[in-house]
Amino acid sequence: MKRAILLVGLMGLAACQVSRPISIPGITRAPDSAEEALEAYYKTLPDDFYPRAPEGLPLPDTDQPLSRILVASCLDEEKPVAPALEEIAREKADLLLMIGDNVYGDRDGRNYTVNQAELDELRESFSDLAARPDFQAVRAAHPMMVAWDDHDMGANDGGKDFPFRRLAERIHERFWGLEKQDVGAWPGTYYARTFGPEGQRTQIIMLDTRFFRTPLMVTNEWGVKGKERYIPSTDAHQDMLGADQWTWLENQLQKPADLRLIVSSVQVMATDGHGWEAWSRLPKEQERLYDLINQTGANGVVFVSGDRHTAFLYRQDAVLPYPAYELTASSLNGSFAETTEEMDSAQIGAGYPPENFGAIDIDWSTGTAALSIKANDGATVRETSVKFK
């Protein structure tokens, strides 16, 4: 009861609707924002406030070369089964990347809900995920690296303007056991790891495209093909990663690696095939990413993304010093169609909307990586090969 009263007071104070002073642990002055007003309160929440994933496997040793990486996104934790997730648990792999919308924490059934300050719906979604036998099997089968997207932050298409993002970050990091690692020491959920010896070194960069992202420009032709929800922003101050993450990424790209997977929850290369969320909706930031890779001389970059509820492969020859590729794997159990007519200028073949996951098979002897889209039974339905050496 005391916690509820304090929370009501905090929200009122942040909205300038409190007529008398209230005692806020850790705050001795009026906060500048609702986010600041809540921050000190969030620091008082007990450990059992946060749901936890079943214990997982440790990441591979830093000197172990990786030969197979699986990729998955978009898991509706309320649906009873996910054959693709069950198949992933049976597959052989060195590492699994869960790259966003790992839960739908802003939705109850088919209805979107507005998360309140304690993010009850989001925490319930993570608790439901932890209890799933298919997810437990995956945790027992594969080491995992994770990124978040809008639905596991708690706001559909949300960005830095989501007032409860700091609690959402805590929920994410504690669920996945990241709070005591480097990523737990800074705002945002981005981090990187490198595996393998010189000549067989894979760097995996998990970006956070939510915590710092500025608002998108809403379409002027709702539902029109190529302009479905958003159009390229003209805001001179558009930002995808935030100043600190951009600096961190520049440093990461200067580290030695033979193959670099840059994992973005939203698509990087798709530009003219759709009007949903993507780096192309913030075109200055998309160009900035390409420029940074060029300026740092980072070799072997392959982009990996999710979000779209359809799987895609892309290739573009003009943005990097070498052909740029992207694998979009989505979704595990949230298919909306059997076929799609979407075609981007960089797209390789047709998209694949049925339930799916992705695979990256690395052949160090030839310096190539096979990027594959897998049906929910493990069959390869789309594939392309990347020469990274």
Protein backbone atom coordinates (compact mmCIF):
# COMPACT_ATOMS: atom_id res chain seq x y z
CA MET A 1 0.00 0.00 0.00
CA LYS A 2 2.81 2.44 0.88
CA ARG A 3 4.47 1.68 -2.44
CA ALA A 4 1.25 2.41 -4.32
CA ILE A 5 0.74 5.71 -2.48
CA LEU A 6 4.33 6.74 -3.18
CA LEU A 7 3.95 5.85 -6.85
CA VAL A 8 0.77 7.92 -7.20
CA GLY A 9 2.55 10.82 -5.55
CA LEU A 10 5.55 10.51 -7.84
CA MET A 11 3.43 10.53 -10.97
CA GLY A 12 1.44 13.48 -9.71
CA LEU A 13 4.59 15.40 -8.86
CA ALA A 14 6.03 14.71 -12.28
CA ALA A 15 2.82 16.04 -13.83
CA CYS A 16 2.79 19.08 -11.47
CA GLN A 17 -0.49 17.95 -9.93
CA VAL A 18 0.59 17.49 -6.31
CA SER A 19 -0.53 20.31 -4.01
CA ARG A 20 1.61 19.32 -1.01
CA PRO A 21 5.18 18.02 -0.63
CA ILE A 22 5.74 14.26 -0.64
CA SER A 23 8.73 12.28 0.57
CA ILE A 24 10.63 10.72 -2.33
CA PRO A 25 13.56 8.46 -1.40
CA GLY A 26 16.73 9.82 -2.99
CA ILE A 27 15.18 13.08 -4.28
CA THR A 28 15.49 16.34 -2.35
CA ARG A 29 14.26 18.71 -5.10
CA ALA A 30 11.47 18.80 -7.64
CA PRO A 31 12.33 16.45 -10.54
CA ASP A 32 12.74 17.81 -14.05
CA SER A 33 10.69 15.05 -15.68
CA ALA A 34 8.40 12.12 -14.99
CA GLU A 35 11.31 9.83 -15.82
CA GLU A 36 13.52 11.45 -13.18
CA ALA A 37 10.71 11.40 -10.64
CA LEU A 38 10.33 7.66 -11.10
CA GLU A 39 14.03 6.79 -11.22
CA ALA A 40 14.72 7.02 -7.50
CA TYR A 41 11.56 5.04 -6.78
CA TYR A 42 12.59 2.31 -9.20
CA LYS A 43 15.88 1.93 -7.33
CA THR A 44 13.93 0.91 -4.22
CA LEU A 45 12.09 -2.01 -5.86
CA PRO A 46 12.94 -5.41 -4.35
CA ASP A 47 14.67 -8.17 -6.30
CA ASP A 48 11.54 -10.32 -6.44
CA PHE A 49 9.78 -7.53 -8.35
CA TYR A 50 11.64 -8.71 -11.48
CA PRO A 51 10.90 -11.95 -13.38
CA ARG A 52 13.91 -14.12 -14.23
CA ALA A 53 14.64 -16.44 -17.14
CA PRO A 54 15.53 -20.06 -16.43
CA GLU A 55 19.26 -20.43 -15.97
CA GLY A 56 20.99 -20.61 -19.35
CA LEU A 57 24.27 -21.90 -20.70
CA PRO A 58 27.42 -19.76 -20.50
CA LEU A 59 28.60 -18.06 -23.66
CA PRO A 60 31.31 -19.85 -25.66
CA ASP A 61 34.89 -19.26 -24.61
CA THR A 62 36.43 -16.18 -26.16
CA ASP A 63 38.97 -18.33 -28.02
CA GLN A 64 36.35 -20.74 -29.45
CA PRO A 65 35.62 -20.19 -33.16
CA LEU A 66 31.92 -20.14 -34.00
CA SER A 67 30.62 -22.21 -36.89
CA ARG A 68 26.84 -21.92 -36.51
CA ILE A 69 24.66 -19.13 -35.10
CA LEU A 70 20.85 -19.19 -34.94
CA VAL A 71 18.71 -16.04 -35.08
CA ALA A 72 15.17 -15.56 -33.78
CA SER A 73 12.70 -12.76 -33.09
CA CYS A 74 9.04 -12.02 -32.45
CA LEU A 75 7.72 -14.57 -29.96
CA ASP A 76 4.16 -14.17 -28.68
CA GLU A 77 4.47 -15.61 -25.18
CA GLU A 78 0.69 -16.00 -24.84
CA LYS A 79 0.35 -18.44 -27.73
CA PRO A 80 0.49 -22.03 -26.47
CA VAL A 81 3.06 -23.45 -28.90
CA ALA A 82 5.89 -22.25 -31.10
CA PRO A 83 7.10 -25.06 -33.40
CA ALA A 84 9.99 -22.87 -34.57
CA LEU A 85 11.19 -22.49 -30.98
CA GLU A 86 10.90 -26.25 -30.45
CA GLU A 87 12.94 -26.80 -33.61
CA ILE A 88 15.60 -24.35 -32.44
CA ALA A 89 15.99 -26.40 -29.25
CA ARG A 90 16.75 -29.47 -31.43
CA GLU A 91 19.18 -27.70 -33.77
CA LYS A 92 22.95 -27.82 -33.34
CA ALA A 93 24.50 -24.37 -32.87
CA ASP A 94 27.22 -22.52 -30.98
CA LEU A 95 25.01 -19.55 -30.14
CA LEU A 96 21.42 -18.29 -30.38
CA LEU A 97 20.65 -14.61 -30.91
CA MET A 98 17.23 -13.49 -29.61
CA ILE A 99 17.05 -10.13 -31.29
CA GLY A 100 13.85 -8.43 -30.18
CA ASP A 101 10.14 -8.73 -29.50
CA ASN A 102 11.11 -11.69 -27.36
CA VAL A 103 7.81 -10.98 -25.59
CA TYR A 104 4.80 -8.79 -26.35
CA GLY A 105 4.77 -6.88 -23.11
CA ASP A 106 2.47 -4.13 -24.32
CA ARG A 107 -0.34 -6.46 -25.35
CA ASP A 108 -2.94 -8.60 -23.58
CA GLY A 109 -4.23 -11.17 -26.04
CA ARG A 110 -4.80 -9.32 -29.31
CA ASN A 111 -5.35 -5.97 -27.60
CA TYR A 112 -2.62 -3.43 -27.07
CA THR A 113 -2.54 -1.99 -23.58
CA VAL A 114 -0.94 1.14 -22.18
CA ASN A 115 1.73 0.13 -19.69
CA GLN A 116 1.60 1.87 -16.33
CA ALA A 117 4.58 3.00 -14.25
CA GLU A 118 5.32 -0.43 -12.75
CA LEU A 119 5.00 -2.15 -16.15
CA ASP A 120 2.72 -4.90 -14.85
CA GLU A 121 1.88 -6.23 -18.32
CA LEU A 122 5.53 -6.35 -19.36
CA ARG A 123 6.57 -8.20 -16.21
CA GLU A 124 3.69 -10.65 -16.64
CA SER A 125 4.82 -11.32 -20.22
CA PHE A 126 8.36 -12.15 -19.12
CA SER A 127 7.00 -14.41 -16.37
CA ASP A 128 4.89 -16.21 -18.98
CA LEU A 129 7.94 -16.62 -21.20
CA ALA A 130 10.00 -18.09 -18.37
CA ALA A 131 7.29 -20.69 -17.73
CA ARG A 132 7.10 -21.98 -21.33
CA PRO A 133 8.53 -25.51 -21.81
CA ASP A 134 9.74 -24.68 -25.34
CA PHE A 135 11.64 -21.64 -24.06
CA GLN A 136 13.08 -23.66 -21.18
CA ALA A 137 14.30 -26.24 -23.72
CA VAL A 138 16.01 -23.52 -25.75
CA ARG A 139 17.67 -22.09 -22.65
CA ALA A 140 19.03 -25.55 -21.85
CA ALA A 141 20.22 -26.13 -25.43
CA HIS A 142 22.02 -22.95 -26.51
CA PRO A 143 24.06 -20.08 -25.10
CA MET A 144 22.23 -16.85 -25.88
CA MET A 145 22.84 -13.19 -26.61
CA VAL A 146 19.81 -10.89 -26.59
CA ALA A 147 18.61 -7.55 -27.89
CA TRP A 148 15.29 -5.86 -27.21
CA ASP A 149 12.73 -4.18 -29.44
CA ASP A 150 9.61 -2.10 -28.83
CA HIS A 151 7.38 -4.86 -27.44
CA ASP A 152 9.94 -6.02 -24.88
CA MET A 153 10.48 -2.38 -23.92
CA GLY A 154 6.73 -2.04 -23.40
CA ALA A 155 5.54 0.46 -26.02
CA ASN A 156 4.57 -0.30 -29.61
CA ASP A 157 7.00 1.54 -31.93
CA GLY A 158 8.37 3.26 -28.83
CA GLY A 159 11.61 5.17 -28.44
CA LYS A 160 13.27 7.57 -26.00
CA ASP A 161 9.94 9.28 -25.29
CA PHE A 162 8.60 6.19 -23.48
CA PRO A 163 8.53 7.46 -19.86
CA PHE A 164 9.09 4.03 -18.27
CA ARG A 165 12.04 2.95 -20.40
CA ARG A 166 14.45 2.88 -17.44
CA LEU A 167 12.37 0.34 -15.57
CA ALA A 168 11.91 -1.60 -18.82
CA GLU A 169 15.69 -1.71 -19.17
CA ARG A 170 16.04 -3.08 -15.64
CA ILE A 171 13.40 -5.74 -16.33
CA HIS A 172 15.18 -6.76 -19.55
CA GLU A 173 18.65 -6.93 -18.01
CA ARG A 174 17.55 -8.78 -14.90
CA PHE A 175 15.46 -11.29 -16.83
CA TRP A 176 18.38 -12.18 -19.07
CA GLY A 177 21.00 -12.05 -16.29
CA LEU A 178 22.85 -9.05 -17.72
CA GLU A 179 22.56 -6.60 -14.83
CA LYS A 180 26.02 -7.44 -13.40
CA GLN A 181 27.76 -7.37 -16.78
CA ASP A 182 29.07 -4.32 -18.63
CA VAL A 183 25.70 -3.64 -20.28
CA GLY A 184 24.16 -3.26 -16.84
CA ALA A 185 26.48 -0.35 -16.05
CA TRP A 186 25.17 2.09 -18.66
CA PRO A 187 21.81 3.36 -19.95
CA GLY A 188 20.55 1.24 -22.82
CA THR A 189 20.82 -2.46 -23.59
CA TYR A 190 23.68 -2.53 -26.13
CA TYR A 191 26.72 -4.77 -25.74
CA ALA A 192 29.22 -6.79 -27.79
CA ARG A 193 31.18 -10.02 -27.52
CA THR A 194 33.97 -11.54 -29.62
CA PHE A 195 34.69 -15.24 -30.10
CA GLY A 196 37.52 -17.15 -31.76
CA PRO A 197 41.26 -16.78 -32.40
CA GLU A 198 42.88 -14.49 -34.94
CA GLY A 199 41.74 -15.51 -38.42
CA GLN A 200 38.54 -17.06 -37.06
CA ARG A 201 37.25 -14.18 -34.99
CA THR A 202 33.52 -13.36 -34.90
CA GLN A 203 32.38 -10.11 -33.33
CA ILE A 204 28.71 -9.82 -32.39
CA ILE A 205 27.43 -6.29 -31.76
CA MET A 206 23.99 -6.08 -30.18
CA LEU A 207 22.62 -2.57 -30.77
CA ASP A 208 19.85 -0.82 -28.83
CA THR A 209 17.59 0.90 -31.37
CA ARG A 210 14.94 1.90 -28.79
CA PHE A 211 16.26 3.57 -25.65
CA PHE A 212 17.72 6.62 -27.42
CA ARG A 213 15.69 6.76 -30.64
CA THR A 214 14.00 10.05 -31.48
CA PRO A 215 10.41 10.10 -32.78
CA LEU A 216 9.59 8.87 -36.27
CA MET A 217 7.69 10.91 -38.87
CA VAL A 218 4.14 9.60 -39.23
CA THR A 219 2.99 8.95 -42.77
CA ASN A 220 0.85 11.41 -44.69
CA GLU A 221 -0.82 8.51 -46.55
CA TRP A 222 -1.81 5.90 -43.96
CA GLY A 223 -1.72 2.37 -45.32
CA VAL A 224 -0.44 3.29 -48.78
CA LYS A 225 2.16 0.81 -50.05
CA GLY A 226 5.62 2.04 -49.11
CA LYS A 227 4.16 4.61 -46.71
CA GLU A 228 2.18 2.30 -44.44
CA ARG A 229 3.02 3.96 -41.09
CA TYR A 230 6.13 6.14 -41.39
CA ILE A 231 8.01 8.21 -43.97
CA PRO A 232 11.67 9.28 -43.91
CA SER A 233 12.18 11.93 -41.24
CA THR A 234 13.33 15.42 -42.18
CA ASP A 235 14.30 16.28 -38.59
CA ALA A 236 17.85 17.58 -38.53
CA HIS A 237 18.27 16.18 -35.00
CA GLN A 238 17.09 12.64 -35.68
CA ASP A 239 18.95 10.01 -33.68
CA MET A 240 18.84 6.21 -33.56
CA LEU A 241 21.54 5.27 -31.05
CA GLY A 242 22.31 8.27 -28.86
CA ALA A 243 25.71 9.93 -28.44
CA ASP A 244 27.23 7.39 -26.05
CA GLN A 245 26.19 4.36 -28.08
CA TRP A 246 27.49 5.92 -31.29
CA THR A 247 30.89 6.48 -29.65
CA TRP A 248 30.86 2.95 -28.25
CA LEU A 249 30.02 1.53 -31.68
CA GLU A 250 32.89 3.43 -33.28
CA ASN A 251 35.25 1.86 -30.75
CA GLN A 252 33.81 -1.61 -31.34
CA LEU A 253 34.24 -1.35 -35.09
CA GLN A 254 37.95 -0.64 -34.64
CA LYS A 255 38.53 -3.89 -32.78
CA PRO A 256 40.01 -6.79 -34.78
CA ALA A 257 37.52 -9.27 -36.24
CA ASP A 258 37.10 -11.36 -39.38
CA LEU A 259 33.30 -11.51 -39.37
CA ARG A 260 31.14 -8.87 -37.67
CA LEU A 261 27.43 -9.34 -37.05
CA ILE A 262 25.77 -5.99 -36.35
CA VAL A 263 22.44 -6.91 -34.77
CA SER A 264 19.70 -4.29 -35.03
CA SER A 265 16.18 -5.06 -33.87
CA VAL A 266 14.82 -3.03 -36.84
CA GLN A 267 15.94 -3.46 -40.43
CA VAL A 268 19.07 -1.63 -41.54
CA MET A 269 19.17 -1.93 -45.35
CA ALA A 270 15.50 -2.00 -46.40
CA THR A 271 14.81 1.43 -47.87
CA ASP A 272 12.06 1.55 -50.49
CA GLY A 273 10.06 -1.65 -50.01
CA HIS A 274 7.88 -0.65 -47.06
CA GLY A 275 6.85 2.18 -44.74
CA TRP A 276 7.22 0.43 -41.41
CA GLU A 277 9.97 1.01 -38.84
CA ALA A 278 13.52 0.78 -40.20
CA TRP A 279 16.76 2.73 -40.23
CA SER A 280 15.58 4.28 -43.50
CA ARG A 281 12.85 6.13 -41.56
CA LEU A 282 15.76 8.07 -40.02
CA PRO A 283 17.78 8.43 -43.24
CA LYS A 284 20.55 10.60 -41.78
CA GLU A 285 21.17 7.89 -39.19
CA GLN A 286 21.20 5.12 -41.80
CA GLU A 287 23.79 7.09 -43.75
CA ARG A 288 25.73 7.77 -40.54
CA LEU A 289 25.93 4.03 -39.83
CA TYR A 290 27.28 3.25 -43.29
CA ASP A 291 29.73 6.16 -43.05
CA LEU A 292 31.00 4.97 -39.66
CA ILE A 293 31.69 1.48 -41.00
CA ASN A 294 33.56 3.00 -43.93
CA GLN A 295 35.53 5.45 -41.79
CA THR A 296 36.65 2.83 -39.28
CA GLY A 297 37.65 0.41 -42.03
CA ALA A 298 35.56 -2.30 -40.36
CA ASN A 299 35.71 -5.44 -42.46
CA GLY A 300 33.34 -8.39 -42.63
CA VAL A 301 30.12 -6.61 -41.59
CA VAL A 302 26.83 -8.48 -41.95
CA PHE A 303 23.60 -6.96 -40.63
CA VAL A 304 21.07 -9.06 -38.70
CA SER A 305 17.53 -7.87 -37.88
CA GLY A 306 14.01 -8.96 -36.93
CA ASP A 307 10.76 -7.07 -36.21
CA ARG A 308 8.95 -7.50 -39.55
CA HIS A 309 6.93 -10.74 -39.11
CA THR A 310 8.44 -11.75 -42.43
CA ALA A 311 11.93 -13.00 -43.18
CA PHE A 312 14.10 -11.37 -45.86
CA LEU A 313 17.58 -11.44 -47.37
CA TYR A 314 19.24 -8.28 -48.74
CA ARG A 315 22.37 -7.33 -50.67
CA GLN A 316 23.58 -3.87 -51.61
CA ASP A 317 26.86 -3.07 -53.38
CA ALA A 318 27.15 0.72 -53.03
CA VAL A 319 27.03 1.45 -49.29
CA LEU A 320 30.19 -0.29 -48.01
CA PRO A 321 33.59 -0.99 -49.62
CA TYR A 322 32.36 -4.56 -50.12
CA PRO A 323 28.87 -6.02 -50.74
CA ALA A 324 26.63 -5.45 -47.71
CA TYR A 325 24.24 -8.21 -46.65
CA GLU A 326 21.37 -8.43 -44.19
CA LEU A 327 19.43 -11.34 -42.75
CA THR A 328 15.99 -10.53 -41.32
CA ALA A 329 14.52 -13.42 -39.33
CA SER A 330 10.92 -12.93 -38.10
CA SER A 331 8.75 -14.32 -36.61
CA LEU A 332 8.80 -17.38 -34.37
CA ASN A 333 5.03 -17.71 -33.90
CA GLY A 334 3.39 -14.54 -35.17
CA SER A 335 2.89 -15.12 -38.88
CA PHE A 336 0.28 -12.90 -40.56
CA ALA A 337 0.43 -14.28 -44.12
CA GLU A 338 1.69 -17.08 -46.36
CA THR A 339 3.14 -14.88 -49.12
CA THR A 340 4.19 -11.27 -49.62
CA GLU A 341 4.56 -8.98 -52.63
CA GLU A 342 7.00 -6.68 -50.84
CA MET A 343 10.14 -6.07 -52.88
CA ASP A 344 12.91 -3.69 -51.90
CA SER A 345 15.61 -2.60 -54.35
CA ALA A 346 18.20 -4.43 -52.20
CA GLN A 347 16.09 -7.54 -51.62
CA ILE A 348 17.22 -11.02 -52.67
CA GLY A 349 14.17 -12.96 -53.81
CA ALA A 350 10.77 -13.05 -52.13
CA GLY A 351 10.18 -12.52 -48.43
CA TYR A 352 9.00 -15.44 -46.30
CA PRO A 353 6.06 -14.60 -43.98
CA PRO A 354 5.34 -18.03 -42.37
CA GLU A 355 6.88 -18.85 -38.98
CA ASN A 356 10.65 -18.99 -39.25
CA PHE A 357 14.08 -18.49 -37.74
CA GLY A 358 17.49 -17.71 -39.21
CA ALA A 359 20.84 -19.49 -39.38
CA ILE A 360 24.38 -18.30 -40.11
CA ASP A 361 26.76 -21.12 -41.03
CA ILE A 362 30.41 -20.06 -41.15
CA ASP A 363 33.04 -21.83 -43.25
CA TRP A 364 36.39 -20.53 -42.04
CA SER A 365 38.34 -22.48 -44.66
CA THR A 366 36.71 -20.48 -47.49
CA GLY A 367 35.91 -17.29 -45.58
CA THR A 368 32.21 -17.52 -46.40
CA ALA A 369 29.00 -17.48 -44.39
CA ALA A 370 25.67 -18.93 -45.50
CA LEU A 371 22.73 -16.77 -44.44
CA SER A 372 19.62 -18.97 -44.28
CA ILE A 373 15.95 -18.56 -43.52
CA LYS A 374 14.51 -21.69 -41.93
CA ALA A 375 10.88 -22.77 -41.85
CA ASN A 376 9.54 -23.75 -38.45
CA ASP A 377 10.50 -27.39 -39.14
CA GLY A 378 14.11 -26.45 -39.89
CA ALA A 379 13.88 -26.70 -43.69
CA THR A 380 15.89 -24.08 -45.59
CA VAL A 381 13.51 -21.87 -47.58
CA ARG A 382 15.82 -18.97 -48.55
CA GLU A 383 19.63 -18.76 -48.63
CA THR A 384 22.51 -16.64 -49.83
CA SER A 385 26.27 -16.74 -49.33
CA VAL A 386 28.54 -13.95 -48.05
CA LYS A 387 32.25 -13.77 -48.83
CA PHE A 388 33.69 -12.00 -45.78
CA LYS A 389 37.39 -12.68 -46.36
